[in-house]
Amino acid sequence: MPKTHPDEIDIDRALVAGLIEKQFPQWAHLPIVKVASDGTDNAMYRLGDDMAVRLPRLPRAAEMVIKEQRWLPELAPLLPLAIPVPLAAGMPDDEYPYPWSVYRWLAGMDLAHDSGSNLEEAAVGLGQFLTALQAIDTTGGPSSARATPVDPRDDGSVRSTIGYLAASGVIDAEPAIGVWKAALAAPAWRRSPLWIHGDLFPSNLLATNGLLTGVIDFGLLGLGDPACDMLPAWTLLTTGSRDLFRAESGADDATWVRGRGWALSAGLGAVRVYRVTNPVLAAAGHRAIAETIADYQRKC
C-alpha cells in the first residue's frame, strides 16, 4: 500500500525480527509474516501461530499504544466478543522510535472483505457488545479523541467536504447537508460519558464462518458520546439489520440521529482522504454516505 501520510515511517520484517530478538528473545525462533491490512496507522505482523506484533507508523498512533496496553486487559473479560489482549509491551530503541505491542492473535476475516457474513447476527452481536462496553465502570478512563462526534465547530469542514465531493460528482450535496443539519439539531449527549470504541468501521470487525467474533483496533478507545459507535449501522448494515442493531444497543432517538450524522461525516472524510490510497476504506465511506442519505430521506 502506498504511504497515506508524509510522516509514516518504514517498517519491514527485518525490523520486526530485530525488535523481537532484542526485547523478547524467547520468541525469536518464531516465524514472522506480514499481515495484509487496510489500516492506515499501524503495521501488523503475525508472530508464530498465536501472536501478532502491532507497530505504529505515525506519531499519533504511538500515543494510543500505552492506552491500549493499560485498558484492554481490563475490558476484555467484560465483553461478549473477543478483543486484542496485549501480551507484551515493546519499547522504542535506536532502530524504532515508538512503543509497540505483542498481542494474542485473533482469528477471523474482517467484515470489509467477508461478504458472506450474517448481518442480522452481526447486528445483534454488535448491539450487545456496545451495551456491555457502555456498562463498564468509567472511573479513570481517558477521553476518546472522538468523544464529541457531532460538533457545531465541525460544521464548516463538513460542509466544505460535501461541497468538494459534490463538485467532483461524487455525491449530491443537498441531502447530505440535510443529514448533517439534522444531526446538529439533535439534542447533545448530556449524561456522563460512556466507554466507546471510536472506530467501528467494517475493517475493525472480525467474523469466523460468517459469524461476528471479534472487534479490533482500539486506538480511539475512551469515554464519550455513544453516538460515535452507531457507525456500523450505515457502514455495514442493511435496513432490517440496522433496526436490530438499534434495538440491541438501546440508542435513543437523539443518539441515533447524531450517530447518523457522524456516519455521514466519517464517510465523507474516508472518501476524500482515501479514495486513491485505500479503496477499502473509501468503499466504506461511500456506503456510509449513501445509506445515511437514504435513511434520512425515508424518514423525512
Protein backbone atom coordinates (compact mmCIF):
# COMPACT_ATOMS: atom_id res chain seq x y z
CA MET A 1 0.00 0.00 0.00
CA PRO A 2 1.39 3.47 -0.84
CA LYS A 3 2.04 5.86 2.00
CA THR A 4 -1.03 7.83 3.01
CA HIS A 5 0.71 10.26 5.35
CA PRO A 6 4.07 12.02 4.84
CA ASP A 7 5.22 11.29 8.40
CA GLU A 8 4.82 7.50 8.14
CA ILE A 9 7.93 5.52 8.98
CA ASP A 10 9.11 2.45 7.08
CA ILE A 11 8.55 -0.89 8.80
CA ASP A 12 9.61 -4.25 7.38
CA ARG A 13 10.06 -7.83 8.52
CA ALA A 14 13.75 -7.36 9.30
CA LEU A 15 12.97 -4.51 11.68
CA VAL A 16 10.30 -6.57 13.46
CA ALA A 17 12.62 -9.58 13.73
CA GLY A 18 15.33 -7.39 15.24
CA LEU A 19 12.97 -5.89 17.81
CA ILE A 20 11.72 -9.32 18.85
CA GLU A 21 15.24 -10.73 19.09
CA LYS A 22 16.46 -7.87 21.28
CA GLN A 23 13.45 -7.38 23.53
CA PHE A 24 11.70 -10.77 23.59
CA PRO A 25 14.36 -13.36 22.72
CA GLN A 26 12.12 -16.19 23.94
CA TRP A 27 10.09 -15.65 20.75
CA ALA A 28 12.99 -15.04 18.35
CA HIS A 29 12.68 -18.53 16.81
CA LEU A 30 9.07 -18.00 15.72
CA PRO A 31 8.20 -17.17 12.10
CA ILE A 32 7.22 -13.57 11.34
CA VAL A 33 4.78 -12.88 8.50
CA LYS A 34 3.35 -9.54 7.41
CA VAL A 35 -0.43 -9.31 7.77
CA ALA A 36 -2.33 -7.66 4.93
CA SER A 37 -4.32 -4.80 6.40
CA ASP A 38 -6.37 -1.82 5.24
CA GLY A 39 -5.44 0.09 8.40
CA THR A 40 -3.52 3.32 7.95
CA ASP A 41 -1.87 3.93 11.33
CA ASN A 42 -0.21 0.62 12.27
CA ALA A 43 1.72 -2.24 10.70
CA MET A 44 0.80 -5.80 11.69
CA TYR A 45 2.95 -8.95 11.65
CA ARG A 46 1.94 -12.41 12.74
CA LEU A 47 4.36 -13.96 15.23
CA GLY A 48 4.12 -17.74 15.24
CA ASP A 49 0.60 -19.15 15.32
CA ASP A 50 -0.80 -17.40 18.36
CA MET A 51 0.56 -13.85 18.47
CA ALA A 52 0.62 -10.61 16.48
CA VAL A 53 3.05 -7.69 16.57
CA ARG A 54 1.46 -4.25 16.09
CA LEU A 55 3.71 -1.28 15.42
CA PRO A 56 2.62 2.34 14.97
CA ARG A 57 3.60 4.00 11.69
CA LEU A 58 2.73 7.52 12.89
CA PRO A 59 3.30 9.69 15.97
CA ARG A 60 -0.46 9.92 16.59
CA ALA A 61 -0.75 6.13 16.60
CA ALA A 62 2.16 5.81 19.00
CA GLU A 63 0.25 7.90 21.53
CA MET A 64 -2.51 5.26 21.56
CA VAL A 65 -0.30 2.26 22.40
CA ILE A 66 0.07 2.83 26.12
CA LYS A 67 -3.69 3.42 26.45
CA GLU A 68 -4.42 0.08 24.79
CA GLN A 69 -1.87 -1.71 26.95
CA ARG A 70 -3.44 -0.18 30.05
CA TRP A 71 -7.13 -0.73 29.35
CA LEU A 72 -7.66 -3.68 27.01
CA PRO A 73 -6.74 -6.36 29.59
CA GLU A 74 -9.27 -4.81 31.96
CA LEU A 75 -12.06 -4.55 29.40
CA ALA A 76 -11.61 -7.91 27.64
CA PRO A 77 -13.18 -10.17 30.33
CA LEU A 78 -16.27 -7.95 30.44
CA LEU A 79 -17.11 -8.04 26.73
CA PRO A 80 -19.05 -10.66 24.75
CA LEU A 81 -16.77 -10.52 21.70
CA ALA A 82 -13.03 -11.15 21.54
CA ILE A 83 -10.76 -8.09 21.56
CA PRO A 84 -6.96 -7.87 21.30
CA VAL A 85 -5.20 -8.66 24.58
CA PRO A 86 -1.64 -7.30 24.96
CA LEU A 87 0.87 -9.98 25.94
CA ALA A 88 3.99 -7.80 25.98
CA ALA A 89 4.89 -4.11 25.74
CA GLY A 90 7.72 -3.29 23.35
CA MET A 91 9.90 -0.24 23.91
CA PRO A 92 11.39 2.31 21.50
CA ASP A 93 15.06 1.82 20.64
CA ASP A 94 17.69 3.09 18.20
CA GLU A 95 16.03 1.28 15.30
CA TYR A 96 12.40 2.13 16.01
CA PRO A 97 11.09 5.29 17.75
CA TYR A 98 7.72 4.25 19.22
CA PRO A 99 6.27 1.93 21.86
CA TRP A 100 4.73 -1.19 20.33
CA SER A 101 2.84 -4.30 21.39
CA VAL A 102 2.64 -8.05 21.08
CA TYR A 103 -0.97 -9.25 21.17
CA ARG A 104 -2.80 -12.52 21.26
CA TRP A 105 -3.73 -13.37 17.67
CA LEU A 106 -7.43 -13.15 16.87
CA ALA A 107 -8.61 -15.40 14.06
CA GLY A 108 -11.23 -14.28 11.54
CA MET A 109 -11.79 -12.21 8.41
CA ASP A 110 -12.69 -8.56 8.69
CA LEU A 111 -16.17 -7.61 7.55
CA ALA A 112 -14.83 -5.26 4.88
CA HIS A 113 -13.82 -8.41 2.99
CA ASP A 114 -16.23 -11.07 4.27
CA SER A 115 -19.34 -10.59 2.14
CA GLY A 116 -20.89 -13.82 3.38
CA SER A 117 -21.45 -12.78 6.97
CA ASN A 118 -24.86 -12.97 8.59
CA LEU A 119 -25.72 -9.29 9.01
CA GLU A 120 -28.68 -9.91 11.29
CA GLU A 121 -26.48 -11.91 13.65
CA ALA A 122 -23.77 -9.26 13.38
CA ALA A 123 -26.27 -6.52 14.19
CA VAL A 124 -27.41 -8.26 17.36
CA GLY A 125 -23.84 -9.10 18.38
CA LEU A 126 -22.64 -5.55 17.85
CA GLY A 127 -25.55 -4.12 19.82
CA GLN A 128 -24.83 -6.48 22.70
CA PHE A 129 -21.13 -5.63 22.53
CA LEU A 130 -21.87 -1.91 22.83
CA THR A 131 -24.33 -2.44 25.67
CA ALA A 132 -21.67 -4.35 27.58
CA LEU A 133 -18.95 -1.80 26.78
CA GLN A 134 -21.10 1.13 27.88
CA ALA A 135 -21.92 -0.61 31.17
CA ILE A 136 -18.27 -0.84 32.25
CA ASP A 137 -17.16 1.42 35.10
CA THR A 138 -15.62 4.58 33.63
CA THR A 139 -13.53 5.52 36.67
CA GLY A 140 -10.14 6.76 35.48
CA GLY A 141 -10.97 6.20 31.83
CA PRO A 142 -9.40 8.54 29.25
CA SER A 143 -11.45 10.78 26.99
CA SER A 144 -11.70 9.49 23.43
CA ALA A 145 -10.44 11.66 20.60
CA ARG A 146 -13.95 11.16 19.19
CA ALA A 147 -15.77 11.96 22.41
CA THR A 148 -17.96 14.50 20.58
CA PRO A 149 -18.58 13.04 17.13
CA VAL A 150 -21.10 15.73 16.10
CA ASP A 151 -19.88 19.19 16.99
CA PRO A 152 -21.11 22.56 15.64
CA ARG A 153 -17.45 23.56 15.36
CA ASP A 154 -17.10 20.96 12.60
CA ASP A 155 -19.87 22.48 10.51
CA GLY A 156 -17.54 24.41 8.22
CA SER A 157 -15.25 21.47 7.47
CA VAL A 158 -18.13 19.03 6.89
CA ARG A 159 -19.87 21.43 4.52
CA SER A 160 -16.57 22.08 2.75
CA THR A 161 -16.06 18.35 2.18
CA ILE A 162 -19.64 17.98 0.94
CA GLY A 163 -19.03 20.83 -1.49
CA TYR A 164 -15.73 19.35 -2.66
CA LEU A 165 -17.18 15.89 -3.30
CA ALA A 166 -20.32 17.32 -4.90
CA ALA A 167 -18.19 19.40 -7.29
CA SER A 168 -16.32 16.21 -8.18
CA GLY A 169 -19.60 14.46 -9.00
CA VAL A 170 -19.24 12.01 -6.11
CA ILE A 171 -22.31 12.97 -4.05
CA ASP A 172 -25.48 15.05 -4.13
CA ALA A 173 -24.89 17.97 -1.76
CA GLU A 174 -28.45 18.85 -0.74
CA PRO A 175 -29.49 15.59 1.00
CA ALA A 176 -26.03 15.23 2.55
CA ILE A 177 -26.41 18.66 4.12
CA GLY A 178 -29.84 17.58 5.34
CA VAL A 179 -28.37 14.60 7.20
CA TRP A 180 -25.73 16.79 8.79
CA LYS A 181 -28.15 19.58 9.79
CA ALA A 182 -30.46 17.04 11.44
CA ALA A 183 -27.54 15.71 13.48
CA LEU A 184 -26.54 19.20 14.62
CA ALA A 185 -30.16 19.93 15.59
CA ALA A 186 -30.48 16.76 17.68
CA PRO A 187 -30.03 17.19 21.46
CA ALA A 188 -26.41 16.71 22.53
CA TRP A 189 -25.30 13.95 24.91
CA ARG A 190 -25.70 15.48 28.37
CA ARG A 191 -25.18 12.44 30.55
CA SER A 192 -21.85 11.17 31.81
CA PRO A 193 -19.57 9.96 29.00
CA LEU A 194 -19.51 6.22 28.36
CA TRP A 195 -16.84 3.87 27.04
CA ILE A 196 -16.72 3.99 23.23
CA HIS A 197 -14.61 2.10 20.71
CA GLY A 198 -14.46 5.13 18.43
CA ASP A 199 -13.70 3.48 15.07
CA LEU A 200 -16.19 0.72 14.25
CA PHE A 201 -15.59 0.57 10.51
CA PRO A 202 -16.18 -2.90 8.96
CA SER A 203 -12.41 -3.44 8.71
CA ASN A 204 -12.28 -3.47 12.53
CA LEU A 205 -14.90 -6.21 12.92
CA LEU A 206 -13.94 -9.89 12.63
CA ALA A 207 -16.08 -12.84 11.58
CA THR A 208 -15.43 -16.58 11.63
CA ASN A 209 -17.57 -18.86 9.47
CA GLY A 210 -19.85 -15.92 8.75
CA LEU A 211 -20.45 -15.07 12.42
CA LEU A 212 -19.20 -11.98 14.23
CA THR A 213 -16.48 -12.99 16.70
CA GLY A 214 -14.19 -10.04 17.41
CA VAL A 215 -13.54 -6.31 17.46
CA ILE A 216 -10.05 -4.90 16.85
CA ASP A 217 -8.15 -1.58 16.69
CA PHE A 218 -8.91 0.24 19.93
CA GLY A 219 -6.67 3.22 19.26
CA LEU A 220 -9.59 5.64 19.72
CA LEU A 221 -10.92 3.88 22.81
CA GLY A 222 -12.07 6.18 25.56
CA LEU A 223 -15.02 7.97 27.11
CA GLY A 224 -17.50 9.93 25.06
CA ASP A 225 -20.84 10.19 23.29
CA PRO A 226 -22.15 6.70 22.36
CA ALA A 227 -23.41 8.13 19.05
CA CYS A 228 -19.88 7.59 17.75
CA ASP A 229 -20.33 3.82 17.93
CA MET A 230 -23.55 3.82 15.89
CA LEU A 231 -21.25 3.95 12.83
CA PRO A 232 -21.74 0.33 11.63
CA ALA A 233 -25.47 0.95 11.24
CA TRP A 234 -24.63 2.76 7.99
CA THR A 235 -21.19 1.47 7.00
CA LEU A 236 -22.14 -2.21 7.26
CA LEU A 237 -25.78 -3.00 7.97
CA THR A 238 -28.93 -3.02 5.85
CA THR A 239 -32.31 -1.51 6.68
CA GLY A 240 -33.64 -4.57 8.52
CA SER A 241 -30.45 -5.46 10.35
CA ARG A 242 -29.98 -1.79 11.27
CA ASP A 243 -33.22 -1.91 13.26
CA LEU A 244 -31.95 -4.98 15.15
CA PHE A 245 -28.72 -3.17 15.96
CA ARG A 246 -30.55 -0.15 17.28
CA ALA A 247 -32.84 -2.28 19.43
CA GLU A 248 -29.92 -4.18 20.97
CA SER A 249 -27.80 -1.07 21.51
CA GLY A 250 -30.66 0.81 23.16
CA ALA A 251 -29.88 4.05 21.33
CA ASP A 252 -32.43 6.80 21.93
CA ASP A 253 -33.70 9.00 19.09
CA ALA A 254 -31.17 11.79 19.57
CA THR A 255 -28.22 9.41 19.82
CA TRP A 256 -29.36 7.65 16.65
CA VAL A 257 -29.66 10.91 14.68
CA ARG A 258 -26.26 12.12 15.92
CA GLY A 259 -24.84 8.72 15.03
CA ARG A 260 -26.22 9.02 11.51
CA GLY A 261 -24.64 12.44 11.16
CA TRP A 262 -21.32 11.11 12.42
CA ALA A 263 -21.51 8.21 9.94
CA LEU A 264 -22.01 10.73 7.14
CA SER A 265 -19.10 12.85 8.38
CA ALA A 266 -16.81 9.83 8.74
CA GLY A 267 -17.83 8.60 5.31
CA LEU A 268 -17.13 11.97 3.73
CA GLY A 269 -13.69 12.01 5.30
CA ALA A 270 -12.90 8.46 4.22
CA VAL A 271 -13.82 9.18 0.61
CA ARG A 272 -11.97 12.48 0.46
CA VAL A 273 -8.77 11.18 2.06
CA TYR A 274 -8.60 7.55 0.92
CA ARG A 275 -10.35 7.23 -2.44
CA VAL A 276 -6.97 6.82 -4.18
CA THR A 277 -4.74 5.33 -1.48
CA ASN A 278 -7.14 2.97 0.33
CA PRO A 279 -10.08 1.67 -1.75
CA VAL A 280 -11.45 -0.45 1.12
CA LEU A 281 -11.88 2.49 3.49
CA ALA A 282 -13.17 4.61 0.63
CA ALA A 283 -15.79 1.96 -0.18
CA ALA A 284 -16.99 2.00 3.43
CA GLY A 285 -17.15 5.78 3.18
CA HIS A 286 -19.24 5.67 0.01
CA ARG A 287 -21.62 3.21 1.67
CA ALA A 288 -21.95 5.43 4.76
CA ILE A 289 -22.82 8.44 2.61
CA ALA A 290 -25.38 6.55 0.52
CA GLU A 291 -27.03 4.78 3.47
CA THR A 292 -27.26 7.83 5.74
CA ILE A 293 -28.85 9.85 2.94
CA ALA A 294 -31.29 7.07 2.06
CA ASP A 295 -32.18 6.59 5.74
CA TYR A 296 -32.71 10.33 6.20
CA GLN A 297 -34.90 10.61 3.11
CA ARG A 298 -37.06 7.65 4.17
CA LYS A 299 -37.81 9.38 7.47
CA CYS A 300 -38.41 12.89 6.18
